[in-house]
Amino acid sequence: MSNIVVVYTDGACRGNPGPGGWGAILNYNGIEKELLGAEKHTTNNRMELMAVIKALEILKQSCSVKLYSDSSYVLKGITDWMPNWKKRDWKTVSKTAVKNEDLWRRLDGLITDHYIEWLWIKGHSGNVGNERADLLANKGIDSLLFL
C-alpha cells in the first residue's frame, strides 16, 4: 500500500497519578489532523494508550499505519504482552488483573481493522512529530485549568 497514515502519539501527566493529557498527529497524503484531550485524574500510561486509541478511532476505513510512540509500555504491551494476556483471560503471569485492561481491550478492538507498523521513537530527542505530539498532550493538560 502506497498510501500510509503516519501517526505520532504521546501522553503526559503532571504527577502520576495526576492531571493528564494526550496528543496525536495523523498525516495522510499531506493532510494533517491534530487531536488532543485530557483527564483530571489519570496516569501517564493511560494517556499514552488513549493517544493511540483516539488516533485509530478517527480512521474511517482500513488503513496501513506507521504509528510512532515513545512509550515502551504501549509498544511492548501491544506487540509482546497482549497476546499472552488474552490467552490468560486478561491476567498477568502472576495471575493478577492487567493494569488498564479497559483501554487495552479497547485498543485490541481497533487494531484488527488496520495493518499497523509499531515504531518506537526516543522521547524528547528532537523528532518533530514526537515533540509536537508532546506539546498537544501538554496543551490537553493546560485545558483543564479553564474547566
Protein backbone atom coordinates (compact mmCIF):
# COMPACT_ATOMS: atom_id res chain seq x y z
CA MET A 1 0.00 0.00 0.00
CA SER A 2 1.49 3.30 -1.04
CA ASN A 3 -0.91 5.47 0.96
CA ILE A 4 0.13 5.21 4.56
CA VAL A 5 -1.22 7.09 7.54
CA VAL A 6 1.70 8.32 9.64
CA VAL A 7 0.79 8.79 13.29
CA TYR A 8 2.72 10.28 16.21
CA THR A 9 1.24 9.87 19.69
CA ASP A 10 2.20 10.95 23.17
CA GLY A 11 0.79 11.10 26.66
CA ALA A 12 1.71 13.33 29.57
CA CYS A 13 0.87 13.55 33.24
CA ARG A 14 1.65 16.15 35.88
CA GLY A 15 2.02 13.90 38.85
CA ASN A 16 1.47 10.20 38.33
CA PRO A 17 -1.40 9.94 39.01
CA GLY A 18 -2.49 13.48 38.37
CA PRO A 19 -3.93 15.61 35.59
CA GLY A 20 -3.02 14.10 32.25
CA GLY A 21 -3.25 14.78 28.56
CA TRP A 22 -2.77 13.00 25.29
CA GLY A 23 -1.91 14.17 21.80
CA ALA A 24 -1.80 12.65 18.34
CA ILE A 25 -0.86 13.85 14.89
CA LEU A 26 -2.07 11.98 11.81
CA ASN A 27 -0.74 12.64 8.32
CA TYR A 28 -2.23 11.11 5.18
CA ASN A 29 -1.13 12.28 1.74
CA GLY A 30 -0.09 15.65 3.13
CA ILE A 31 -3.34 16.19 5.02
CA GLU A 32 -2.71 16.58 8.71
CA LYS A 33 -5.01 16.24 11.71
CA GLU A 34 -4.15 17.07 15.31
CA LEU A 35 -6.01 15.53 18.25
CA LEU A 36 -5.74 16.19 21.96
CA GLY A 37 -7.61 15.51 25.16
CA ALA A 38 -7.23 15.40 28.91
CA GLU A 39 -8.43 13.81 32.13
CA LYS A 40 -8.38 15.36 35.58
CA HIS A 41 -7.02 12.32 37.41
CA THR A 42 -5.12 9.67 35.48
CA THR A 43 -1.70 8.14 34.84
CA ASN A 44 0.91 8.64 32.16
CA ASN A 45 0.41 5.10 30.85
CA ARG A 46 -3.33 5.66 30.46
CA MET A 47 -2.66 8.85 28.50
CA GLU A 48 -0.14 7.09 26.25
CA LEU A 49 -2.75 4.43 25.50
CA MET A 50 -5.50 6.99 24.99
CA ALA A 51 -3.44 8.85 22.39
CA VAL A 52 -3.10 5.67 20.33
CA ILE A 53 -6.77 4.75 20.78
CA LYS A 54 -8.04 8.17 19.73
CA ALA A 55 -5.74 8.23 16.70
CA LEU A 56 -7.01 4.85 15.50
CA GLU A 57 -10.64 5.65 16.28
CA ILE A 58 -10.62 8.61 13.91
CA LEU A 59 -9.69 6.45 10.89
CA LYS A 60 -12.79 5.91 8.77
CA GLN A 61 -11.63 2.81 6.88
CA SER A 62 -8.98 0.10 6.99
CA CYS A 63 -5.56 1.68 6.67
CA SER A 64 -1.91 0.94 6.59
CA VAL A 65 -0.49 2.85 9.57
CA LYS A 66 3.00 3.75 10.72
CA LEU A 67 2.49 4.57 14.37
CA TYR A 68 5.30 6.24 16.31
CA SER A 69 5.29 6.26 20.11
CA ASP A 70 7.90 6.96 22.76
CA SER A 71 6.07 4.64 25.15
CA SER A 72 7.76 1.27 25.69
CA TYR A 73 4.70 0.35 27.77
CA VAL A 74 2.38 0.77 24.78
CA LEU A 75 4.67 -0.85 22.25
CA LYS A 76 5.65 -3.84 24.37
CA GLY A 77 2.08 -4.21 25.52
CA ILE A 78 0.66 -4.36 22.02
CA THR A 79 3.40 -6.46 20.42
CA ASP A 80 4.60 -8.73 23.24
CA TRP A 81 2.31 -8.82 26.24
CA MET A 82 -1.24 -8.59 24.85
CA PRO A 83 -1.34 -11.97 23.08
CA ASN A 84 -0.49 -13.70 26.36
CA TRP A 85 -2.89 -11.54 28.40
CA LYS A 86 -5.68 -12.61 26.07
CA LYS A 87 -4.73 -16.29 26.38
CA ARG A 88 -4.86 -15.91 30.17
CA ASP A 89 -8.20 -14.05 30.12
CA TRP A 90 -6.53 -10.65 30.68
CA LYS A 91 -4.34 -11.80 33.56
CA THR A 92 -0.61 -11.28 34.00
CA VAL A 93 1.89 -14.10 34.51
CA SER A 94 1.35 -13.69 38.25
CA LYS A 95 -2.42 -14.12 37.69
CA THR A 96 -3.28 -10.53 38.61
CA ALA A 97 -5.54 -8.31 36.53
CA VAL A 98 -3.85 -6.44 33.69
CA LYS A 99 -3.49 -2.75 34.55
CA ASN A 100 -5.53 -0.50 32.26
CA GLU A 101 -7.41 -3.53 30.95
CA ASP A 102 -10.29 -1.34 29.78
CA LEU A 103 -8.00 0.61 27.47
CA TRP A 104 -6.07 -2.46 26.29
CA ARG A 105 -9.35 -4.14 25.33
CA ARG A 106 -10.46 -1.00 23.52
CA LEU A 107 -7.16 -0.89 21.62
CA ASP A 108 -7.40 -4.61 20.85
CA GLY A 109 -10.73 -3.99 19.16
CA LEU A 110 -9.25 -1.24 16.97
CA ILE A 111 -6.11 -2.93 15.68
CA THR A 112 -7.94 -5.65 13.75
CA ASP A 113 -9.15 -3.10 11.20
CA HIS A 114 -5.69 -1.91 10.17
CA TYR A 115 -2.20 -3.01 9.24
CA ILE A 116 -0.08 -1.22 11.85
CA GLU A 117 3.67 -0.91 11.98
CA TRP A 118 4.51 -0.10 15.62
CA LEU A 119 7.60 2.09 15.85
CA TRP A 120 9.41 3.27 18.96
CA ILE A 121 10.99 6.70 18.98
CA LYS A 122 13.04 8.17 21.77
CA GLY A 123 11.08 10.88 23.55
CA HIS A 124 12.39 14.43 23.81
CA SER A 125 15.12 13.71 21.27
CA GLY A 126 14.24 16.39 18.74
CA ASN A 127 11.96 14.34 16.48
CA VAL A 128 9.47 16.90 15.17
CA GLY A 129 6.43 14.59 15.19
CA ASN A 130 7.12 13.37 18.72
CA GLU A 131 7.78 16.87 20.02
CA ARG A 132 4.52 18.14 18.51
CA ALA A 133 2.55 15.22 19.98
CA ASP A 134 4.10 16.04 23.36
CA LEU A 135 3.06 19.69 23.00
CA LEU A 136 -0.50 18.61 22.22
CA ALA A 137 -0.58 16.32 25.26
CA ASN A 138 0.56 19.18 27.47
CA LYS A 139 -1.95 21.53 25.83
CA GLY A 140 -4.57 18.99 26.85
CA ILE A 141 -3.46 19.23 30.46
CA ASP A 142 -3.41 23.02 30.26
CA SER A 143 -7.01 22.98 29.02
CA LEU A 144 -8.06 21.52 32.38
CA LEU A 145 -7.11 24.81 34.04
CA PHE A 146 -10.05 26.50 32.34
CA LEU A 147 -12.74 24.00 33.34
